Amino acid sequence: MKEWIKKFQLPLLAATIVIVVVAGAIFGVSAAGSKENKIKKNLNLGDKYLSEARYEEAIVEYEKVIAIDPRQVPAYVGMAEAYEGLGNTEKAVEIYEQGIAAVEEAKLAEGIVLEGSERLYIGEALILESQGLLE
């Protein structure tokens, strides 16, 4: 019996390692896909609420997106627009600035410009201009 165990011990160990590695890879890919699906779902829901003037609900959805991935420019833009809809332009400017900070961080860290980032700068500028704080 001991001979049988010795003979198959190494192949069984190798097979177990392969199974664990493959399962980990599958789980990793699945988790990444799940993350992207959650972002898409929450962005779509936030956009829906925003279009229906359900601003508080939109803000909650956009916050969920940013919690998953703080580089999601559309979430900052949508959240800022929701705060504008609530009449809270000060908070809207704050959100635009948070988004701009995320854009600048990505640019410095990785040398990339996040898609749609111009909307953050334009949105903030429009609010500041409407308040007479920008010419």
N, C-alpha and C. Protein backbone atom coordinates (compact mmCIF):
# COMPACT_ATOMS: atom_id res chain seq x y z
N MET A 1 0.81 -1.18 0.00
CA MET A 1 0.00 0.00 0.00
C MET A 1 0.86 1.25 0.00
N LYS A 2 1.94 1.23 0.77
CA LYS A 2 2.82 2.37 0.83
C LYS A 2 3.48 2.64 -0.51
N GLU A 3 3.79 1.59 -1.25
CA GLU A 3 4.39 1.75 -2.58
C GLU A 3 3.44 2.50 -3.51
N TRP A 4 2.16 2.16 -3.44
CA TRP A 4 1.15 2.81 -4.29
C TRP A 4 1.08 4.30 -3.97
N ILE A 5 1.09 4.65 -2.69
CA ILE A 5 1.04 6.05 -2.27
C ILE A 5 2.29 6.78 -2.75
N LYS A 6 3.43 6.18 -2.57
CA LYS A 6 4.67 6.82 -3.02
C LYS A 6 4.67 7.02 -4.53
N LYS A 7 4.15 6.03 -5.25
CA LYS A 7 4.16 6.09 -6.70
C LYS A 7 3.27 7.21 -7.24
N PHE A 8 2.13 7.46 -6.61
CA PHE A 8 1.18 8.44 -7.12
C PHE A 8 1.15 9.75 -6.33
N GLN A 9 1.96 9.87 -5.31
CA GLN A 9 1.95 11.06 -4.47
C GLN A 9 2.30 12.32 -5.26
N LEU A 10 3.36 12.29 -6.01
CA LEU A 10 3.79 13.45 -6.76
C LEU A 10 2.80 13.82 -7.87
N PRO A 11 2.33 12.87 -8.69
CA PRO A 11 1.34 13.23 -9.71
C PRO A 11 0.04 13.77 -9.10
N LEU A 12 -0.39 13.23 -7.97
CA LEU A 12 -1.59 13.74 -7.32
C LEU A 12 -1.39 15.15 -6.81
N LEU A 13 -0.24 15.41 -6.25
CA LEU A 13 0.08 16.75 -5.78
C LEU A 13 0.10 17.73 -6.94
N ALA A 14 0.74 17.33 -8.04
CA ALA A 14 0.79 18.19 -9.23
C ALA A 14 -0.60 18.45 -9.78
N ALA A 15 -1.43 17.43 -9.85
CA ALA A 15 -2.79 17.58 -10.36
C ALA A 15 -3.60 18.51 -9.46
N THR A 16 -3.43 18.38 -8.16
CA THR A 16 -4.12 19.25 -7.21
C THR A 16 -3.71 20.70 -7.39
N ILE A 17 -2.43 20.93 -7.57
CA ILE A 17 -1.93 22.29 -7.79
C ILE A 17 -2.51 22.87 -9.07
N VAL A 18 -2.53 22.09 -10.13
CA VAL A 18 -3.09 22.55 -11.41
C VAL A 18 -4.56 22.90 -11.25
N ILE A 19 -5.31 22.08 -10.55
CA ILE A 19 -6.73 22.35 -10.34
C ILE A 19 -6.93 23.64 -9.55
N VAL A 20 -6.15 23.84 -8.52
CA VAL A 20 -6.25 25.05 -7.71
C VAL A 20 -5.91 26.29 -8.54
N VAL A 21 -4.86 26.22 -9.34
CA VAL A 21 -4.45 27.35 -10.17
C VAL A 21 -5.53 27.68 -11.21
N VAL A 22 -6.05 26.65 -11.88
CA VAL A 22 -7.09 26.86 -12.88
C VAL A 22 -8.35 27.44 -12.24
N ALA A 23 -8.74 26.93 -11.09
CA ALA A 23 -9.92 27.45 -10.40
C ALA A 23 -9.71 28.91 -10.01
N GLY A 24 -8.51 29.23 -9.54
CA GLY A 24 -8.20 30.61 -9.19
C GLY A 24 -8.27 31.53 -10.40
N ALA A 25 -7.77 31.08 -11.52
CA ALA A 25 -7.81 31.88 -12.74
C ALA A 25 -9.25 32.10 -13.19
N ILE A 26 -10.04 31.05 -13.14
CA ILE A 26 -11.44 31.16 -13.54
C ILE A 26 -12.17 32.12 -12.60
N PHE A 27 -11.93 31.99 -11.31
CA PHE A 27 -12.57 32.88 -10.34
C PHE A 27 -12.14 34.31 -10.57
N GLY A 28 -10.85 34.54 -10.85
CA GLY A 28 -10.35 35.89 -11.10
C GLY A 28 -11.01 36.52 -12.30
N VAL A 29 -11.14 35.79 -13.38
CA VAL A 29 -11.79 36.31 -14.58
C VAL A 29 -13.26 36.57 -14.29
N SER A 30 -13.89 35.66 -13.58
CA SER A 30 -15.30 35.82 -13.24
C SER A 30 -15.52 37.04 -12.36
N ALA A 31 -14.64 37.26 -11.39
CA ALA A 31 -14.77 38.41 -10.50
C ALA A 31 -14.58 39.71 -11.26
N ALA A 32 -13.64 39.74 -12.20
CA ALA A 32 -13.42 40.95 -12.99
C ALA A 32 -14.64 41.24 -13.84
N GLY A 33 -15.20 40.21 -14.46
CA GLY A 33 -16.40 40.39 -15.26
C GLY A 33 -17.56 40.86 -14.40
N SER A 34 -17.65 40.32 -13.21
CA SER A 34 -18.69 40.71 -12.27
C SER A 34 -18.54 42.18 -11.88
N LYS A 35 -17.31 42.61 -11.68
CA LYS A 35 -17.03 44.01 -11.32
C LYS A 35 -17.49 44.94 -12.45
N GLU A 36 -17.15 44.59 -13.68
CA GLU A 36 -17.55 45.40 -14.83
C GLU A 36 -19.07 45.41 -14.98
N ASN A 37 -19.69 44.27 -14.73
CA ASN A 37 -21.15 44.20 -14.83
C ASN A 37 -21.82 45.08 -13.77
N LYS A 38 -21.27 45.08 -12.56
CA LYS A 38 -21.82 45.92 -11.49
C LYS A 38 -21.68 47.39 -11.84
N ILE A 39 -20.52 47.77 -12.36
CA ILE A 39 -20.30 49.16 -12.75
C ILE A 39 -21.32 49.56 -13.81
N LYS A 40 -21.46 48.75 -14.83
CA LYS A 40 -22.39 49.05 -15.91
C LYS A 40 -23.82 49.15 -15.39
N LYS A 41 -24.20 48.19 -14.55
CA LYS A 41 -25.56 48.17 -14.00
C LYS A 41 -25.83 49.43 -13.18
N ASN A 42 -24.89 49.78 -12.29
CA ASN A 42 -25.10 50.95 -11.44
C ASN A 42 -25.05 52.25 -12.23
N LEU A 43 -24.18 52.34 -13.24
CA LEU A 43 -24.16 53.53 -14.09
C LEU A 43 -25.49 53.69 -14.83
N ASN A 44 -25.97 52.60 -15.40
CA ASN A 44 -27.25 52.66 -16.12
C ASN A 44 -28.39 53.06 -15.21
N LEU A 45 -28.40 52.49 -14.01
CA LEU A 45 -29.44 52.83 -13.05
C LEU A 45 -29.33 54.29 -12.62
N GLY A 46 -28.11 54.74 -12.36
CA GLY A 46 -27.90 56.14 -12.00
C GLY A 46 -28.37 57.07 -13.11
N ASP A 47 -28.04 56.74 -14.35
CA ASP A 47 -28.47 57.55 -15.49
C ASP A 47 -29.99 57.57 -15.61
N LYS A 48 -30.60 56.43 -15.37
CA LYS A 48 -32.06 56.34 -15.43
C LYS A 48 -32.68 57.25 -14.37
N TYR A 49 -32.20 57.14 -13.14
CA TYR A 49 -32.73 57.98 -12.06
C TYR A 49 -32.49 59.45 -12.35
N LEU A 50 -31.33 59.78 -12.88
CA LEU A 50 -31.02 61.17 -13.21
C LEU A 50 -32.00 61.71 -14.24
N SER A 51 -32.27 60.92 -15.27
CA SER A 51 -33.20 61.36 -16.32
C SER A 51 -34.63 61.50 -15.80
N GLU A 52 -34.94 60.80 -14.71
CA GLU A 52 -36.27 60.88 -14.10
C GLU A 52 -36.32 61.89 -12.95
N ALA A 53 -35.25 62.65 -12.78
CA ALA A 53 -35.13 63.65 -11.71
C ALA A 53 -35.24 63.01 -10.32
N ARG A 54 -34.81 61.78 -10.20
CA ARG A 54 -34.76 61.07 -8.91
C ARG A 54 -33.31 61.18 -8.43
N TYR A 55 -32.94 62.40 -8.07
CA TYR A 55 -31.54 62.76 -7.84
C TYR A 55 -30.88 62.01 -6.68
N GLU A 56 -31.59 61.86 -5.57
CA GLU A 56 -30.98 61.17 -4.43
C GLU A 56 -30.65 59.72 -4.80
N GLU A 57 -31.57 59.07 -5.51
CA GLU A 57 -31.34 57.69 -5.91
C GLU A 57 -30.19 57.59 -6.92
N ALA A 58 -30.11 58.56 -7.80
CA ALA A 58 -29.01 58.59 -8.77
C ALA A 58 -27.68 58.71 -8.05
N ILE A 59 -27.61 59.58 -7.08
CA ILE A 59 -26.37 59.79 -6.32
C ILE A 59 -25.92 58.49 -5.66
N VAL A 60 -26.84 57.76 -5.09
CA VAL A 60 -26.51 56.48 -4.44
C VAL A 60 -25.88 55.52 -5.45
N GLU A 61 -26.46 55.43 -6.64
CA GLU A 61 -25.92 54.52 -7.66
C GLU A 61 -24.54 54.96 -8.13
N TYR A 62 -24.35 56.25 -8.33
CA TYR A 62 -23.04 56.74 -8.76
C TYR A 62 -21.98 56.53 -7.67
N GLU A 63 -22.38 56.69 -6.41
CA GLU A 63 -21.45 56.42 -5.31
C GLU A 63 -21.00 54.96 -5.32
N LYS A 64 -21.91 54.05 -5.64
CA LYS A 64 -21.56 52.63 -5.71
C LYS A 64 -20.52 52.39 -6.80
N VAL A 65 -20.68 53.06 -7.93
CA VAL A 65 -19.73 52.91 -9.03
C VAL A 65 -18.35 53.39 -8.60
N ILE A 66 -18.29 54.56 -8.00
CA ILE A 66 -17.01 55.13 -7.59
C ILE A 66 -16.35 54.28 -6.51
N ALA A 67 -17.15 53.65 -5.66
CA ALA A 67 -16.59 52.75 -4.65
C ALA A 67 -15.92 51.53 -5.30
N ILE A 68 -16.48 51.08 -6.41
CA ILE A 68 -15.90 49.95 -7.13
C ILE A 68 -14.67 50.38 -7.92
N ASP A 69 -14.79 51.51 -8.62
CA ASP A 69 -13.70 52.00 -9.46
C ASP A 69 -13.69 53.52 -9.46
N PRO A 70 -12.80 54.13 -8.68
CA PRO A 70 -12.78 55.59 -8.56
C PRO A 70 -12.34 56.33 -9.82
N ARG A 71 -12.10 55.61 -10.90
CA ARG A 71 -11.71 56.27 -12.16
C ARG A 71 -12.86 56.31 -13.17
N GLN A 72 -14.06 56.08 -12.71
CA GLN A 72 -15.23 56.09 -13.59
C GLN A 72 -15.75 57.52 -13.77
N VAL A 73 -15.24 58.19 -14.78
CA VAL A 73 -15.61 59.58 -15.06
C VAL A 73 -17.13 59.76 -15.17
N PRO A 74 -17.86 58.89 -15.88
CA PRO A 74 -19.31 59.11 -15.99
C PRO A 74 -20.03 59.15 -14.64
N ALA A 75 -19.52 58.45 -13.65
CA ALA A 75 -20.15 58.47 -12.33
C ALA A 75 -19.99 59.84 -11.67
N TYR A 76 -18.81 60.44 -11.80
CA TYR A 76 -18.61 61.78 -11.23
C TYR A 76 -19.50 62.80 -11.94
N VAL A 77 -19.55 62.71 -13.26
CA VAL A 77 -20.37 63.65 -14.03
C VAL A 77 -21.84 63.50 -13.64
N GLY A 78 -22.33 62.27 -13.61
CA GLY A 78 -23.72 62.04 -13.25
C GLY A 78 -24.05 62.50 -11.84
N MET A 79 -23.14 62.22 -10.91
CA MET A 79 -23.38 62.63 -9.53
C MET A 79 -23.40 64.14 -9.40
N ALA A 80 -22.47 64.81 -10.08
CA ALA A 80 -22.44 66.27 -10.04
C ALA A 80 -23.73 66.84 -10.64
N GLU A 81 -24.19 66.26 -11.73
CA GLU A 81 -25.44 66.73 -12.34
C GLU A 81 -26.63 66.49 -11.41
N ALA A 82 -26.60 65.40 -10.68
CA ALA A 82 -27.67 65.13 -9.71
C ALA A 82 -27.67 66.18 -8.61
N TYR A 83 -26.49 66.53 -8.12
CA TYR A 83 -26.42 67.58 -7.10
C TYR A 83 -26.87 68.93 -7.67
N GLU A 84 -26.53 69.18 -8.92
CA GLU A 84 -27.05 70.40 -9.56
C GLU A 84 -28.57 70.37 -9.59
N GLY A 85 -29.12 69.22 -9.93
CA GLY A 85 -30.58 69.07 -9.97
C GLY A 85 -31.21 69.33 -8.61
N LEU A 86 -30.49 69.01 -7.56
CA LEU A 86 -30.98 69.28 -6.20
C LEU A 86 -30.74 70.73 -5.78
N GLY A 87 -30.06 71.49 -6.65
CA GLY A 87 -29.76 72.88 -6.33
C GLY A 87 -28.53 73.05 -5.46
N ASN A 88 -27.75 72.01 -5.29
CA ASN A 88 -26.56 72.06 -4.45
C ASN A 88 -25.33 72.17 -5.35
N THR A 89 -25.11 73.38 -5.87
CA THR A 89 -24.00 73.58 -6.80
C THR A 89 -22.65 73.48 -6.10
N GLU A 90 -22.61 73.81 -4.82
CA GLU A 90 -21.35 73.69 -4.08
C GLU A 90 -20.89 72.23 -4.04
N LYS A 91 -21.81 71.32 -3.77
CA LYS A 91 -21.49 69.89 -3.74
C LYS A 91 -21.18 69.40 -5.15
N ALA A 92 -21.87 69.92 -6.14
CA ALA A 92 -21.60 69.54 -7.53
C ALA A 92 -20.17 69.89 -7.91
N VAL A 93 -19.73 71.09 -7.54
CA VAL A 93 -18.35 71.50 -7.82
C VAL A 93 -17.38 70.58 -7.10
N GLU A 94 -17.68 70.23 -5.87
CA GLU A 94 -16.83 69.32 -5.09
C GLU A 94 -16.69 67.97 -5.81
N ILE A 95 -17.79 67.45 -6.34
CA ILE A 95 -17.76 66.17 -7.04
C ILE A 95 -16.95 66.29 -8.33
N TYR A 96 -17.15 67.37 -9.07
CA TYR A 96 -16.34 67.59 -10.28
C TYR A 96 -14.85 67.60 -9.91
N GLU A 97 -14.51 68.26 -8.82
CA GLU A 97 -13.10 68.33 -8.40
C GLU A 97 -12.57 66.96 -7.99
N GLN A 98 -13.39 66.14 -7.36
CA GLN A 98 -12.97 64.77 -7.02
C GLN A 98 -12.69 63.97 -8.29
N GLY A 99 -13.57 64.14 -9.28
CA GLY A 99 -13.36 63.47 -10.56
C GLY A 99 -12.10 63.94 -11.26
N ILE A 100 -11.87 65.24 -11.23
CA ILE A 100 -10.66 65.81 -11.83
C ILE A 100 -9.42 65.28 -11.14
N ALA A 101 -9.48 65.14 -9.82
CA ALA A 101 -8.35 64.58 -9.07
C ALA A 101 -8.08 63.15 -9.51
N ALA A 102 -9.13 62.36 -9.74
CA ALA A 102 -8.96 60.98 -10.20
C ALA A 102 -8.33 60.96 -11.59
N VAL A 103 -8.75 61.89 -12.44
CA VAL A 103 -8.20 61.99 -13.80
C VAL A 103 -6.72 62.35 -13.73
N GLU A 104 -6.39 63.33 -12.91
CA GLU A 104 -5.00 63.76 -12.78
C GLU A 104 -4.13 62.65 -12.19
N GLU A 105 -4.67 61.90 -11.25
CA GLU A 105 -3.93 60.78 -10.66
C GLU A 105 -3.62 59.72 -11.72
N ALA A 106 -4.60 59.41 -12.54
CA ALA A 106 -4.40 58.42 -13.61
C ALA A 106 -3.35 58.91 -14.60
N LYS A 107 -3.41 60.20 -14.89
CA LYS A 107 -2.45 60.79 -15.84
C LYS A 107 -1.03 60.72 -15.28
N LEU A 108 -0.87 61.05 -14.01
CA LEU A 108 0.46 61.02 -13.39
C LEU A 108 0.97 59.59 -13.18
N ALA A 109 0.10 58.72 -12.71
CA ALA A 109 0.52 57.37 -12.37
C ALA A 109 0.78 56.51 -13.60
N GLU A 110 -0.06 56.66 -14.61
CA GLU A 110 0.03 55.75 -15.74
C GLU A 110 0.19 56.45 -17.09
N GLY A 111 0.16 57.77 -17.07
CA GLY A 111 0.31 58.51 -18.31
C GLY A 111 -0.89 58.39 -19.24
N ILE A 112 -2.06 58.10 -18.66
CA ILE A 112 -3.26 57.96 -19.49
C ILE A 112 -4.24 59.08 -19.19
N VAL A 113 -5.06 59.39 -20.17
CA VAL A 113 -6.14 60.35 -19.99
C VAL A 113 -7.43 59.54 -20.01
N LEU A 114 -8.20 59.65 -18.95
CA LEU A 114 -9.43 58.88 -18.85
C LEU A 114 -10.47 59.41 -19.83
N GLU A 115 -11.15 58.48 -20.47
CA GLU A 115 -12.15 58.83 -21.47
C GLU A 115 -13.26 59.69 -20.86
N GLY A 116 -13.60 60.76 -21.55
CA GLY A 116 -14.68 61.63 -21.11
C GLY A 116 -14.28 62.64 -20.05
N SER A 117 -12.98 62.71 -19.73
CA SER A 117 -12.54 63.58 -18.64
C SER A 117 -12.82 65.05 -18.90
N GLU A 118 -12.92 65.43 -20.17
CA GLU A 118 -13.20 66.83 -20.48
C GLU A 118 -14.55 67.27 -19.92
N ARG A 119 -15.47 66.32 -19.77
CA ARG A 119 -16.79 66.65 -19.22
C ARG A 119 -16.70 67.15 -17.78
N LEU A 120 -15.70 66.69 -17.04
CA LEU A 120 -15.51 67.14 -15.67
C LEU A 120 -15.08 68.61 -15.63
N TYR A 121 -14.12 68.94 -16.47
CA TYR A 121 -13.61 70.30 -16.52
C TYR A 121 -14.68 71.27 -17.01
N ILE A 122 -15.40 70.86 -18.05
CA ILE A 122 -16.45 71.71 -18.61
C ILE A 122 -17.58 71.89 -17.62
N GLY A 123 -18.01 70.81 -16.98
CA GLY A 123 -19.09 70.90 -16.00
C GLY A 123 -18.76 71.85 -14.86
N GLU A 124 -17.56 71.71 -14.33
CA GLU A 124 -17.15 72.60 -13.23
C GLU A 124 -17.07 74.04 -13.71
N ALA A 125 -16.50 74.25 -14.90
CA ALA A 125 -16.37 75.60 -15.43
C ALA A 125 -17.74 76.25 -15.65
N LEU A 126 -18.70 75.49 -16.12
CA LEU A 126 -20.04 76.05 -16.35
C LEU A 126 -20.70 76.50 -15.05
N ILE A 127 -20.54 75.71 -14.00
CA ILE A 127 -21.10 76.12 -12.71
C ILE A 127 -20.41 77.38 -12.19
N LEU A 128 -19.08 77.36 -12.23
CA LEU A 128 -18.34 78.51 -11.73
C LEU A 128 -18.65 79.77 -12.54
N GLU A 129 -18.79 79.60 -13.83
CA GLU A 129 -19.13 80.75 -14.70
C GLU A 129 -20.52 81.28 -14.35
N SER A 130 -21.48 80.38 -14.13
CA SER A 130 -22.84 80.81 -13.81
C SER A 130 -22.90 81.55 -12.46
N GLN A 131 -21.94 81.30 -11.62
CA GLN A 131 -21.88 81.96 -10.32
C GLN A 131 -20.99 83.21 -10.35
N GLY A 132 -20.50 83.53 -11.54
CA GLY A 132 -19.65 84.70 -11.69
C GLY A 132 -18.25 84.50 -11.13
N LEU A 133 -17.84 83.27 -10.93
CA LEU A 133 -16.53 82.98 -10.37
C LEU A 133 -15.49 82.65 -11.43
N LEU A 134 -15.92 82.63 -12.69
CA LEU A 134 -15.02 82.28 -13.78
C LEU A 134 -15.41 83.11 -14.99
N GLU A 135 -14.41 83.64 -15.65
CA GLU A 135 -14.70 84.46 -16.84
C GLU A 135 -14.40 83.68 -18.09
